Amino acid sequence: MKLVFLYHPVNNIKESVTFYRENLGFEEAWREGNHTVALKLPNTDIQLMIEDDEDGLSAGGVFLVDSVDEFFEENKKKLHFVKEPIDIPPGRYAIYEDNSSNPIRIIDFSKE
């Protein structure tokens, strides 16, 4: 697994993009619809992904795996998945929790 995004849920995507741009100097890397924006963190390959449509889950990392479906199949009996694999524009996505109920998001870029 490789960390590719830091995920932060936000209340208002437009206000949050403005905050990160104007106060922290982040630049927009990409956008998915009206609910998800990735911002470039200065001097790193990691991006901050902000989103206003995933209620009830806290901030955390998004990790790249070779295949979300294979990871899910290999680990579904020992990890607590709160979101089973779904399609997203670049590939597949799922969320499981660690033993302290922190969400760990995984993604693959199988559609790119």
PDB file of N, CA and C in Angstrom:
ATOM      1  N   MET A   1       0.842  -1.187   0.000  1.00  0.00           N
ATOM      2  CA  MET A   1       0.000   0.000   0.000  1.00  0.00           C
ATOM      3  C   MET A   1       0.881   1.241   0.000  1.00  0.00           C
ATOM      4  N   LYS A   2       0.398   2.241  -0.707  1.00  0.00           N
ATOM      5  CA  LYS A   2       1.116   3.507  -0.788  1.00  0.00           C
ATOM      6  C   LYS A   2       0.118   4.636  -0.526  1.00  0.00           C
ATOM      7  N   LEU A   3       0.467   5.544   0.368  1.00  0.00           N
ATOM      8  CA  LEU A   3      -0.396   6.697   0.649  1.00  0.00           C
ATOM      9  C   LEU A   3      -0.418   7.622  -0.563  1.00  0.00           C
ATOM     10  N   VAL A   4      -1.618   7.922  -1.077  1.00  0.00           N
ATOM     11  CA  VAL A   4      -1.738   8.824  -2.223  1.00  0.00           C
ATOM     12  C   VAL A   4      -2.542  10.081  -1.898  1.00  0.00           C
ATOM     13  N   PHE A   5      -3.463   9.986  -0.952  1.00  0.00           N
ATOM     14  CA  PHE A   5      -4.281  11.134  -0.571  1.00  0.00           C
ATOM     15  C   PHE A   5      -4.426  11.176   0.942  1.00  0.00           C
ATOM     16  N   LEU A   6      -4.565  12.368   1.463  1.00  0.00           N
ATOM     17  CA  LEU A   6      -5.095  12.573   2.805  1.00  0.00           C
ATOM     18  C   LEU A   6      -6.534  12.989   2.589  1.00  0.00           C
ATOM     19  N   TYR A   7      -7.461  12.326   3.236  1.00  0.00           N
ATOM     20  CA  TYR A   7      -8.877  12.585   3.042  1.00  0.00           C
ATOM     21  C   TYR A   7      -9.421  13.416   4.198  1.00  0.00           C
ATOM     22  N   HIS A   8     -10.106  14.506   3.858  1.00  0.00           N
ATOM     23  CA  HIS A   8     -10.761  15.338   4.870  1.00  0.00           C
ATOM     24  C   HIS A   8     -12.198  15.593   4.443  1.00  0.00           C
ATOM     25  N   PRO A   9     -13.164  15.141   5.236  1.00  0.00           N
ATOM     26  CA  PRO A   9     -14.545  15.508   4.952  1.00  0.00           C
ATOM     27  C   PRO A   9     -14.749  16.983   5.301  1.00  0.00           C
ATOM     28  N   VAL A  10     -15.543  17.670   4.495  1.00  0.00           N
ATOM     29  CA  VAL A  10     -15.808  19.091   4.731  1.00  0.00           C
ATOM     30  C   VAL A  10     -17.309  19.341   4.660  1.00  0.00           C
ATOM     31  N   ASN A  11     -17.728  20.452   5.239  1.00  0.00           N
ATOM     32  CA  ASN A  11     -19.146  20.814   5.223  1.00  0.00           C
ATOM     33  C   ASN A  11     -19.552  21.522   3.936  1.00  0.00           C
ATOM     34  N   ASN A  12     -18.646  22.307   3.382  1.00  0.00           N
ATOM     35  CA  ASN A  12     -18.948  23.095   2.189  1.00  0.00           C
ATOM     36  C   ASN A  12     -17.727  23.070   1.283  1.00  0.00           C
ATOM     37  N   ILE A  13     -17.836  22.393   0.160  1.00  0.00           N
ATOM     38  CA  ILE A  13     -16.682  22.194  -0.712  1.00  0.00           C
ATOM     39  C   ILE A  13     -16.147  23.522  -1.256  1.00  0.00           C
ATOM     40  N   LYS A  14     -17.022  24.422  -1.660  1.00  0.00           N
ATOM     41  CA  LYS A  14     -16.595  25.699  -2.244  1.00  0.00           C
ATOM     42  C   LYS A  14     -15.817  26.524  -1.213  1.00  0.00           C
ATOM     43  N   GLU A  15     -16.362  26.651  -0.007  1.00  0.00           N
ATOM     44  CA  GLU A  15     -15.675  27.410   1.040  1.00  0.00           C
ATOM     45  C   GLU A  15     -14.352  26.755   1.427  1.00  0.00           C
ATOM     46  N   SER A  16     -14.318  25.434   1.435  1.00  0.00           N
ATOM     47  CA  SER A  16     -13.102  24.732   1.823  1.00  0.00           C
ATOM     48  C   SER A  16     -12.005  24.882   0.782  1.00  0.00           C
ATOM     49  N   VAL A  17     -12.359  24.810  -0.497  1.00  0.00           N
ATOM     50  CA  VAL A  17     -11.356  25.030  -1.555  1.00  0.00           C
ATOM     51  C   VAL A  17     -10.764  26.424  -1.409  1.00  0.00           C
ATOM     52  N   THR A  18     -11.600  27.409  -1.177  1.00  0.00           N
ATOM     53  CA  THR A  18     -11.121  28.777  -0.984  1.00  0.00           C
ATOM     54  C   THR A  18     -10.189  28.854   0.220  1.00  0.00           C
ATOM     55  N   PHE A  19     -10.553  28.225   1.327  1.00  0.00           N
ATOM     56  CA  PHE A  19      -9.716  28.230   2.526  1.00  0.00           C
ATOM     57  C   PHE A  19      -8.332  27.670   2.235  1.00  0.00           C
ATOM     58  N   TYR A  20      -8.271  26.482   1.640  1.00  0.00           N
ATOM     59  CA  TYR A  20      -6.981  25.836   1.398  1.00  0.00           C
ATOM     60  C   TYR A  20      -6.141  26.588   0.372  1.00  0.00           C
ATOM     61  N   ARG A  21      -6.776  27.185  -0.626  1.00  0.00           N
ATOM     62  CA  ARG A  21      -6.025  27.971  -1.615  1.00  0.00           C
ATOM     63  C   ARG A  21      -5.482  29.259  -1.003  1.00  0.00           C
ATOM     64  N   GLU A  22      -6.371  30.036  -0.393  1.00  0.00           N
ATOM     65  CA  GLU A  22      -5.992  31.370   0.066  1.00  0.00           C
ATOM     66  C   GLU A  22      -5.140  31.354   1.326  1.00  0.00           C
ATOM     67  N   ASN A  23      -5.397  30.444   2.240  1.00  0.00           N
ATOM     68  CA  ASN A  23      -4.671  30.436   3.507  1.00  0.00           C
ATOM     69  C   ASN A  23      -3.432  29.548   3.512  1.00  0.00           C
ATOM     70  N   LEU A  24      -3.444  28.498   2.697  1.00  0.00           N
ATOM     71  CA  LEU A  24      -2.341  27.539   2.749  1.00  0.00           C
ATOM     72  C   LEU A  24      -1.578  27.413   1.429  1.00  0.00           C
ATOM     73  N   GLY A  25      -2.049  28.068   0.381  1.00  0.00           N
ATOM     74  CA  GLY A  25      -1.341  28.057  -0.891  1.00  0.00           C
ATOM     75  C   GLY A  25      -1.466  26.775  -1.687  1.00  0.00           C
ATOM     76  N   PHE A  26      -2.456  25.929  -1.379  1.00  0.00           N
ATOM     77  CA  PHE A  26      -2.645  24.697  -2.136  1.00  0.00           C
ATOM     78  C   PHE A  26      -3.206  25.029  -3.513  1.00  0.00           C
ATOM     79  N   GLU A  27      -2.905  24.166  -4.491  1.00  0.00           N
ATOM     80  CA  GLU A  27      -3.443  24.322  -5.841  1.00  0.00           C
ATOM     81  C   GLU A  27      -4.339  23.134  -6.162  1.00  0.00           C
ATOM     82  N   GLU A  28      -5.390  23.380  -6.935  1.00  0.00           N
ATOM     83  CA  GLU A  28      -6.292  22.297  -7.304  1.00  0.00           C
ATOM     84  C   GLU A  28      -5.590  21.341  -8.258  1.00  0.00           C
ATOM     85  N   ALA A  29      -5.683  20.038  -7.965  1.00  0.00           N
ATOM     86  CA  ALA A  29      -5.082  19.006  -8.816  1.00  0.00           C
ATOM     87  C   ALA A  29      -6.128  18.405  -9.757  1.00  0.00           C
ATOM     88  N   TRP A  30      -7.316  18.121  -9.235  1.00  0.00           N
ATOM     89  CA  TRP A  30      -8.422  17.597 -10.032  1.00  0.00           C
ATOM     90  C   TRP A  30      -9.715  17.731  -9.241  1.00  0.00           C
ATOM     91  N   ARG A  31     -10.808  17.489  -9.929  1.00  0.00           N
ATOM     92  CA  ARG A  31     -12.143  17.633  -9.337  1.00  0.00           C
ATOM     93  C   ARG A  31     -13.040  16.534  -9.878  1.00  0.00           C
ATOM     94  N   GLU A  32     -13.889  15.994  -9.016  1.00  0.00           N
ATOM     95  CA  GLU A  32     -14.871  14.990  -9.413  1.00  0.00           C
ATOM     96  C   GLU A  32     -16.252  15.537  -9.072  1.00  0.00           C
ATOM     97  N   GLY A  33     -16.968  15.983 -10.067  1.00  0.00           N
ATOM     98  CA  GLY A  33     -18.292  16.548  -9.852  1.00  0.00           C
ATOM     99  C   GLY A  33     -18.239  17.774  -8.956  1.00  0.00           C
ATOM    100  N   ASN A  34     -19.289  17.964  -8.177  1.00  0.00           N
ATOM    101  CA  ASN A  34     -19.383  19.108  -7.278  1.00  0.00           C
ATOM    102  C   ASN A  34     -19.118  18.740  -5.832  1.00  0.00           C
ATOM    103  N   HIS A  35     -18.596  17.524  -5.583  1.00  0.00           N
ATOM    104  CA  HIS A  35     -18.458  17.080  -4.207  1.00  0.00           C
ATOM    105  C   HIS A  35     -17.043  16.662  -3.809  1.00  0.00           C
ATOM    106  N   THR A  36     -16.122  16.516  -4.768  1.00  0.00           N
ATOM    107  CA  THR A  36     -14.773  16.054  -4.447  1.00  0.00           C
ATOM    108  C   THR A  36     -13.737  16.892  -5.177  1.00  0.00           C
ATOM    109  N   VAL A  37     -12.741  17.370  -4.435  1.00  0.00           N
ATOM    110  CA  VAL A  37     -11.635  18.140  -5.016  1.00  0.00           C
ATOM    111  C   VAL A  37     -10.337  17.638  -4.388  1.00  0.00           C
ATOM    112  N   ALA A  38      -9.327  17.450  -5.226  1.00  0.00           N
ATOM    113  CA  ALA A  38      -7.990  17.115  -4.728  1.00  0.00           C
ATOM    114  C   ALA A  38      -7.112  18.347  -4.863  1.00  0.00           C
ATOM    115  N   LEU A  39      -6.328  18.587  -3.831  1.00  0.00           N
ATOM    116  CA  LEU A  39      -5.446  19.750  -3.795  1.00  0.00           C
ATOM    117  C   LEU A  39      -4.006  19.291  -3.654  1.00  0.00           C
ATOM    118  N   LYS A  40      -3.119  19.948  -4.373  1.00  0.00           N
ATOM    119  CA  LYS A  40      -1.693  19.629  -4.297  1.00  0.00           C
ATOM    120  C   LYS A  40      -1.101  20.219  -3.035  1.00  0.00           C
ATOM    121  N   LEU A  41      -0.450  19.378  -2.246  1.00  0.00           N
ATOM    122  CA  LEU A  41       0.287  19.853  -1.082  1.00  0.00           C
ATOM    123  C   LEU A  41       1.662  20.289  -1.561  1.00  0.00           C
ATOM    124  N   PRO A  42       2.094  21.468  -1.182  1.00  0.00           N
ATOM    125  CA  PRO A  42       3.400  21.951  -1.636  1.00  0.00           C
ATOM    126  C   PRO A  42       4.532  20.992  -1.248  1.00  0.00           C
ATOM    127  N   ASN A  43       5.450  20.772  -2.174  1.00  0.00           N
ATOM    128  CA  ASN A  43       6.678  19.993  -1.963  1.00  0.00           C
ATOM    129  C   ASN A  43       6.450  18.530  -1.611  1.00  0.00           C
ATOM    130  N   THR A  44       5.370  17.921  -2.108  1.00  0.00           N
ATOM    131  CA  THR A  44       5.109  16.502  -1.863  1.00  0.00           C
ATOM    132  C   THR A  44       4.289  15.921  -3.006  1.00  0.00           C
ATOM    133  N   ASP A  45       4.297  14.603  -3.123  1.00  0.00           N
ATOM    134  CA  ASP A  45       3.458  13.923  -4.105  1.00  0.00           C
ATOM    135  C   ASP A  45       2.079  13.598  -3.546  1.00  0.00           C
ATOM    136  N   ILE A  46       1.899  13.763  -2.246  1.00  0.00           N
ATOM    137  CA  ILE A  46       0.618  13.472  -1.598  1.00  0.00           C
ATOM    138  C   ILE A  46      -0.347  14.616  -1.870  1.00  0.00           C
ATOM    139  N   GLN A  47      -1.601  14.269  -2.091  1.00  0.00           N
ATOM    140  CA  GLN A  47      -2.636  15.274  -2.308  1.00  0.00           C
ATOM    141  C   GLN A  47      -3.642  15.227  -1.165  1.00  0.00           C
ATOM    142  N   LEU A  48      -4.288  16.361  -0.922  1.00  0.00           N
ATOM    143  CA  LEU A  48      -5.378  16.438   0.044  1.00  0.00           C
ATOM    144  C   LEU A  48      -6.673  16.318  -0.753  1.00  0.00           C
ATOM    145  N   MET A  49      -7.484  15.330  -0.430  1.00  0.00           N
ATOM    146  CA  MET A  49      -8.770  15.154  -1.083  1.00  0.00           C
ATOM    147  C   MET A  49      -9.846  15.598  -0.107  1.00  0.00           C
ATOM    148  N   ILE A  50     -10.616  16.592  -0.503  1.00  0.00           N
ATOM    149  CA  ILE A  50     -11.716  17.059   0.334  1.00  0.00           C
ATOM    150  C   ILE A  50     -13.026  16.688  -0.351  1.00  0.00           C
ATOM    151  N   GLU A  51     -14.008  16.358   0.474  1.00  0.00           N
ATOM    152  CA  GLU A  51     -15.267  15.866  -0.062  1.00  0.00           C
ATOM    153  C   GLU A  51     -16.393  16.218   0.896  1.00  0.00           C
ATOM    154  N   ASP A  52     -17.548  16.535   0.348  1.00  0.00           N
ATOM    155  CA  ASP A  52     -18.667  16.897   1.214  1.00  0.00           C
ATOM    156  C   ASP A  52     -19.842  15.936   1.093  1.00  0.00           C
ATOM    157  N   ASP A  53     -19.572  14.684   0.688  1.00  0.00           N
ATOM    158  CA  ASP A  53     -20.700  13.753   0.546  1.00  0.00           C
ATOM    159  C   ASP A  53     -20.511  12.416   1.251  1.00  0.00           C
ATOM    160  N   GLU A  54     -19.536  12.298   2.134  1.00  0.00           N
ATOM    161  CA  GLU A  54     -19.336  11.034   2.848  1.00  0.00           C
ATOM    162  C   GLU A  54     -19.578  11.257   4.339  1.00  0.00           C
ATOM    163  N   ASP A  55     -20.832  11.250   4.717  1.00  0.00           N
ATOM    164  CA  ASP A  55     -21.222  11.545   6.092  1.00  0.00           C
ATOM    165  C   ASP A  55     -20.796  10.450   7.068  1.00  0.00           C
ATOM    166  N   GLY A  56     -20.424  10.879   8.268  1.00  0.00           N
ATOM    167  CA  GLY A  56     -20.205   9.952   9.362  1.00  0.00           C
ATOM    168  C   GLY A  56     -18.829   9.337   9.453  1.00  0.00           C
ATOM    169  N   LEU A  57     -17.942   9.595   8.516  1.00  0.00           N
ATOM    170  CA  LEU A  57     -16.598   9.044   8.578  1.00  0.00           C
ATOM    171  C   LEU A  57     -15.587  10.169   8.754  1.00  0.00           C
ATOM    172  N   SER A  58     -14.555   9.898   9.527  1.00  0.00           N
ATOM    173  CA  SER A  58     -13.566  10.926   9.836  1.00  0.00           C
ATOM    174  C   SER A  58     -12.451  10.976   8.795  1.00  0.00           C
ATOM    175  N   ALA A  59     -11.560  11.915   8.986  1.00  0.00           N
ATOM    176  CA  ALA A  59     -10.400  12.088   8.115  1.00  0.00           C
ATOM    177  C   ALA A  59      -9.482  10.876   8.212  1.00  0.00           C
ATOM    178  N   GLY A  60      -8.656  10.707   7.187  1.00  0.00           N
ATOM    179  CA  GLY A  60      -7.690   9.612   7.195  1.00  0.00           C
ATOM    180  C   GLY A  60      -6.987   9.502   5.864  1.00  0.00           C
ATOM    181  N   GLY A  61      -6.170   8.487   5.739  1.00  0.00           N
ATOM    182  CA  GLY A  61      -5.417   8.269   4.516  1.00  0.00           C
ATOM    183  C   GLY A  61      -6.200   7.487   3.486  1.00  0.00           C
ATOM    184  N   VAL A  62      -5.828   7.701   2.228  1.00  0.00           N
ATOM    185  CA  VAL A  62      -6.334   6.904   1.116  1.00  0.00           C
ATOM    186  C   VAL A  62      -5.111   6.223   0.512  1.00  0.00           C
ATOM    187  N   PHE A  63      -5.134   4.899   0.496  1.00  0.00           N
ATOM    188  CA  PHE A  63      -3.969   4.121   0.103  1.00  0.00           C
ATOM    189  C   PHE A  63      -4.200   3.418  -1.225  1.00  0.00           C
ATOM    190  N   LEU A  64      -3.203   3.477  -2.077  1.00  0.00           N
ATOM    191  CA  LEU A  64      -3.242   2.805  -3.368  1.00  0.00           C
ATOM    192  C   LEU A  64      -2.868   1.337  -3.189  1.00  0.00           C
ATOM    193  N   VAL A  65      -3.703   0.454  -3.731  1.00  0.00           N
ATOM    194  CA  VAL A  65      -3.414  -0.976  -3.769  1.00  0.00           C
ATOM    195  C   VAL A  65      -3.481  -1.424  -5.224  1.00  0.00           C
ATOM    196  N   ASP A  66      -2.902  -2.584  -5.517  1.00  0.00           N
ATOM    197  CA  ASP A  66      -2.934  -3.090  -6.890  1.00  0.00           C
ATOM    198  C   ASP A  66      -4.355  -3.367  -7.352  1.00  0.00           C
ATOM    199  N   SER A  67      -5.148  -3.978  -6.471  1.00  0.00           N
ATOM    200  CA  SER A  67      -6.531  -4.307  -6.801  1.00  0.00           C
ATOM    201  C   SER A  67      -7.380  -4.243  -5.535  1.00  0.00           C
ATOM    202  N   VAL A  68      -8.350  -3.345  -5.525  1.00  0.00           N
ATOM    203  CA  VAL A  68      -9.261  -3.246  -4.383  1.00  0.00           C
ATOM    204  C   VAL A  68     -10.039  -4.547  -4.223  1.00  0.00           C
ATOM    205  N   ASP A  69     -10.475  -5.138  -5.338  1.00  0.00           N
ATOM    206  CA  ASP A  69     -11.259  -6.366  -5.261  1.00  0.00           C
ATOM    207  C   ASP A  69     -10.442  -7.519  -4.668  1.00  0.00           C
ATOM    208  N   GLU A  70      -9.194  -7.651  -5.079  1.00  0.00           N
ATOM    209  CA  GLU A  70      -8.347  -8.704  -4.523  1.00  0.00           C
ATOM    210  C   GLU A  70      -8.069  -8.462  -3.038  1.00  0.00           C
ATOM    211  N   PHE A  71      -7.796  -7.199  -2.666  1.00  0.00           N
ATOM    212  CA  PHE A  71      -7.559  -6.861  -1.261  1.00  0.00           C
ATOM    213  C   PHE A  71      -8.790  -7.199  -0.434  1.00  0.00           C
ATOM    214  N   PHE A  72      -9.955  -6.847  -0.938  1.00  0.00           N
ATOM    215  CA  PHE A  72     -11.203  -7.142  -0.243  1.00  0.00           C
ATOM    216  C   PHE A  72     -11.379  -8.652  -0.054  1.00  0.00           C
ATOM    217  N   GLU A  73     -11.217  -9.411  -1.110  1.00  0.00           N
ATOM    218  CA  GLU A  73     -11.401 -10.864  -1.030  1.00  0.00           C
ATOM    219  C   GLU A  73     -10.420 -11.505  -0.048  1.00  0.00           C
ATOM    220  N   GLU A  74      -9.181 -11.032  -0.047  1.00  0.00           N
ATOM    221  CA  GLU A  74      -8.156 -11.598   0.835  1.00  0.00           C
ATOM    222  C   GLU A  74      -8.357 -11.213   2.302  1.00  0.00           C
ATOM    223  N   ASN A  75      -9.064 -10.109   2.559  1.00  0.00           N
ATOM    224  CA  ASN A  75      -9.140  -9.575   3.919  1.00  0.00           C
ATOM    225  C   ASN A  75     -10.548  -9.436   4.492  1.00  0.00           C
ATOM    226  N   LYS A  76     -11.583  -9.782   3.751  1.00  0.00           N
ATOM    227  CA  LYS A  76     -12.957  -9.515   4.209  1.00  0.00           C
ATOM    228  C   LYS A  76     -13.337 -10.268   5.478  1.00  0.00           C
ATOM    229  N   LYS A  77     -12.657 -11.353   5.776  1.00  0.00           N
ATOM    230  CA  LYS A  77     -12.979 -12.103   6.990  1.00  0.00           C
ATOM    231  C   LYS A  77     -12.247 -11.586   8.214  1.00  0.00           C
ATOM    232  N   LYS A  78     -11.171 -10.835   8.023  1.00  0.00           N
ATOM    233  CA  LYS A  78     -10.414 -10.347   9.184  1.00  0.00           C
ATOM    234  C   LYS A  78     -10.491  -8.836   9.374  1.00  0.00           C
ATOM    235  N   LEU A  79     -10.993  -8.099   8.380  1.00  0.00           N
ATOM    236  CA  LEU A  79     -11.138  -6.642   8.503  1.00  0.00           C
ATOM    237  C   LEU A  79     -12.614  -6.268   8.454  1.00  0.00           C
ATOM    238  N   HIS A  80     -12.957  -5.184   9.128  1.00  0.00           N
ATOM    239  CA  HIS A  80     -14.340  -4.700   9.136  1.00  0.00           C
ATOM    240  C   HIS A  80     -14.507  -3.658   8.033  1.00  0.00           C
ATOM    241  N   PHE A  81     -15.093  -4.057   6.912  1.00  0.00           N
ATOM    242  CA  PHE A  81     -15.327  -3.146   5.794  1.00  0.00           C
ATOM    243  C   PHE A  81     -16.620  -2.381   6.029  1.00  0.00           C
ATOM    244  N   VAL A  82     -16.546  -1.063   5.991  1.00  0.00           N
ATOM    245  CA  VAL A  82     -17.735  -0.225   6.136  1.00  0.00           C
ATOM    246  C   VAL A  82     -18.264   0.214   4.771  1.00  0.00           C
ATOM    247  N   LYS A  83     -17.443   0.058   3.737  1.00  0.00           N
ATOM    248  CA  LYS A  83     -17.876   0.275   2.358  1.00  0.00           C
ATOM    249  C   LYS A  83     -17.173  -0.779   1.508  1.00  0.00           C
ATOM    250  N   GLU A  84     -17.963  -1.696   0.950  1.00  0.00           N
ATOM    251  CA  GLU A  84     -17.405  -2.722   0.082  1.00  0.00           C
ATOM    252  C   GLU A  84     -16.992  -2.075  -1.244  1.00  0.00           C
ATOM    253  N   PRO A  85     -16.189  -2.769  -2.052  1.00  0.00           N
ATOM    254  CA  PRO A  85     -15.681  -2.166  -3.288  1.00  0.00           C
ATOM    255  C   PRO A  85     -16.787  -1.616  -4.189  1.00  0.00           C
ATOM    256  N   ILE A  86     -16.535  -0.408  -4.674  1.00  0.00           N
ATOM    257  CA  ILE A  86     -17.442   0.262  -5.609  1.00  0.00           C
ATOM    258  C   ILE A  86     -16.614   0.850  -6.752  1.00  0.00           C
ATOM    259  N   ASP A  87     -17.301   1.109  -7.858  1.00  0.00           N
ATOM    260  CA  ASP A  87     -16.668   1.786  -8.985  1.00  0.00           C
ATOM    261  C   ASP A  87     -16.595   3.278  -8.724  1.00  0.00           C
ATOM    262  N   ILE A  88     -15.466   3.866  -9.060  1.00  0.00           N
ATOM    263  CA  ILE A  88     -15.280   5.310  -9.079  1.00  0.00           C
ATOM    264  C   ILE A  88     -14.569   5.627 -10.390  1.00  0.00           C
ATOM    265  N   PRO A  89     -14.565   6.878 -10.827  1.00  0.00           N
ATOM    266  CA  PRO A  89     -13.992   7.173 -12.147  1.00  0.00           C
ATOM    267  C   PRO A  89     -12.589   6.588 -12.414  1.00  0.00           C
ATOM    268  N   PRO A  90     -11.616   6.662 -11.502  1.00  0.00           N
ATOM    269  CA  PRO A  90     -10.321   6.089 -11.894  1.00  0.00           C
ATOM    270  C   PRO A  90     -10.188   4.586 -11.657  1.00  0.00           C
ATOM    271  N   GLY A  91     -11.135   3.957 -10.941  1.00  0.00           N
ATOM    272  CA  GLY A  91     -10.979   2.530 -10.655  1.00  0.00           C
ATOM    273  C   GLY A  91     -11.983   2.012  -9.646  1.00  0.00           C
ATOM    274  N   ARG A  92     -11.462   1.459  -8.538  1.00  0.00           N
ATOM    275  CA  ARG A  92     -12.301   0.881  -7.490  1.00  0.00           C
ATOM    276  C   ARG A  92     -11.901   1.472  -6.147  1.00  0.00           C
ATOM    277  N   TYR A  93     -12.847   1.430  -5.183  1.00  0.00           N
ATOM    278  CA  TYR A  93     -12.673   2.110  -3.903  1.00  0.00           C
ATOM    279  C   TYR A  93     -13.397   1.315  -2.831  1.00  0.00           C
ATOM    280  N   ALA A  94     -12.811   1.257  -1.633  1.00  0.00           N
ATOM    281  CA  ALA A  94     -13.457   0.594  -0.489  1.00  0.00           C
ATOM    282  C   ALA A  94     -12.917   1.232   0.787  1.00  0.00           C
ATOM    283  N   ILE A  95     -13.626   0.986   1.894  1.00  0.00           N
ATOM    284  CA  ILE A  95     -13.211   1.523   3.193  1.00  0.00           C
ATOM    285  C   ILE A  95     -13.355   0.425   4.243  1.00  0.00           C
ATOM    286  N   TYR A  96     -12.314   0.262   5.048  1.00  0.00           N
ATOM    287  CA  TYR A  96     -12.408  -0.607   6.218  1.00  0.00           C
ATOM    288  C   TYR A  96     -11.942   0.184   7.427  1.00  0.00           C
ATOM    289  N   GLU A  97     -12.201  -0.355   8.617  1.00  0.00           N
ATOM    290  CA  GLU A  97     -11.820   0.328   9.854  1.00  0.00           C
ATOM    291  C   GLU A  97     -10.727  -0.441  10.570  1.00  0.00           C
ATOM    292  N   ASP A  98      -9.849   0.317  11.237  1.00  0.00           N
ATOM    293  CA  ASP A  98      -8.844  -0.332  12.081  1.00  0.00           C
ATOM    294  C   ASP A  98      -9.488  -0.688  13.423  1.00  0.00           C
ATOM    295  N   ASN A  99      -8.706  -1.183  14.349  1.00  0.00           N
ATOM    296  CA  ASN A  99      -9.256  -1.639  15.627  1.00  0.00           C
ATOM    297  C   ASN A  99      -9.722  -0.495  16.530  1.00  0.00           C
ATOM    298  N   SER A 100      -9.478   0.761  16.132  1.00  0.00           N
ATOM    299  CA  SER A 100      -9.988   1.911  16.876  1.00  0.00           C
ATOM    300  C   SER A 100     -11.093   2.630  16.108  1.00  0.00           C
ATOM    301  N   SER A 101     -11.624   1.985  15.104  1.00  0.00           N
ATOM    302  CA  SER A 101     -12.716   2.501  14.259  1.00  0.00           C
ATOM    303  C   SER A 101     -12.306   3.672  13.376  1.00  0.00           C
ATOM    304  N   ASN A 102     -11.023   3.805  13.089  1.00  0.00           N
ATOM    305  CA  ASN A 102     -10.561   4.817  12.137  1.00  0.00           C
ATOM    306  C   ASN A 102     -10.729   4.272  10.720  1.00  0.00           C
ATOM    307  N   PRO A 103     -11.307   5.065   9.817  1.00  0.00           N
ATOM    308  CA  PRO A 103     -11.475   4.572   8.450  1.00  0.00           C
ATOM    309  C   PRO A 103     -10.151   4.547   7.694  1.00  0.00           C
ATOM    310  N   ILE A 104      -9.944   3.464   6.976  1.00  0.00           N
ATOM    311  CA  ILE A 104      -8.796   3.333   6.085  1.00  0.00           C
ATOM    312  C   ILE A 104      -9.362   3.098   4.688  1.00  0.00           C
ATOM    313  N   ARG A 105      -9.093   4.033   3.815  1.00  0.00           N
ATOM    314  CA  ARG A 105      -9.630   3.983   2.465  1.00  0.00           C
ATOM    315  C   ARG A 105      -8.594   3.378   1.523  1.00  0.00           C
ATOM    316  N   ILE A 106      -9.068   2.535   0.610  1.00  0.00           N
ATOM    317  CA  ILE A 106      -8.173   1.974  -0.392  1.00  0.00           C
ATOM    318  C   ILE A 106      -8.742   2.270  -1.781  1.00  0.00           C
ATOM    319  N   ILE A 107      -7.848   2.411  -2.723  1.00  0.00           N
ATOM    320  CA  ILE A 107      -8.219   2.768  -4.085  1.00  0.00           C
ATOM    321  C   ILE A 107      -7.295   2.046  -5.049  1.00  0.00           C
ATOM    322  N   ASP A 108      -7.805   1.760  -6.222  1.00  0.00           N
ATOM    323  CA  ASP A 108      -6.918   1.339  -7.307  1.00  0.00           C
ATOM    324  C   ASP A 108      -7.260   2.202  -8.527  1.00  0.00           C
ATOM    325  N   PHE A 109      -6.345   2.238  -9.470  1.00  0.00           N
ATOM    326  CA  PHE A 109      -6.540   3.039 -10.674  1.00  0.00           C
ATOM    327  C   PHE A 109      -6.724   2.130 -11.872  1.00  0.00           C
ATOM    328  N   SER A 110      -7.558   1.117 -11.709  1.00  0.00           N
ATOM    329  CA  SER A 110      -7.729   0.096 -12.732  1.00  0.00           C
ATOM    330  C   SER A 110      -8.419   0.597 -13.990  1.00  0.00           C
ATOM    331  N   LYS A 111      -9.054   1.738 -13.955  1.00  0.00           N
ATOM    332  CA  LYS A 111      -9.740   2.272 -15.143  1.00  0.00           C
ATOM    333  C   LYS A 111      -8.877   3.273 -15.904  1.00  0.00           C
ATOM    334  N   GLU A 112      -7.695   3.567 -15.387  1.00  0.00           N
ATOM    335  CA  GLU A 112      -6.841   4.549 -16.076  1.00  0.00           C
ATOM    336  C   GLU A 112      -5.973   3.865 -17.089  1.00  0.00           C
TER     337      GLU A 112
END
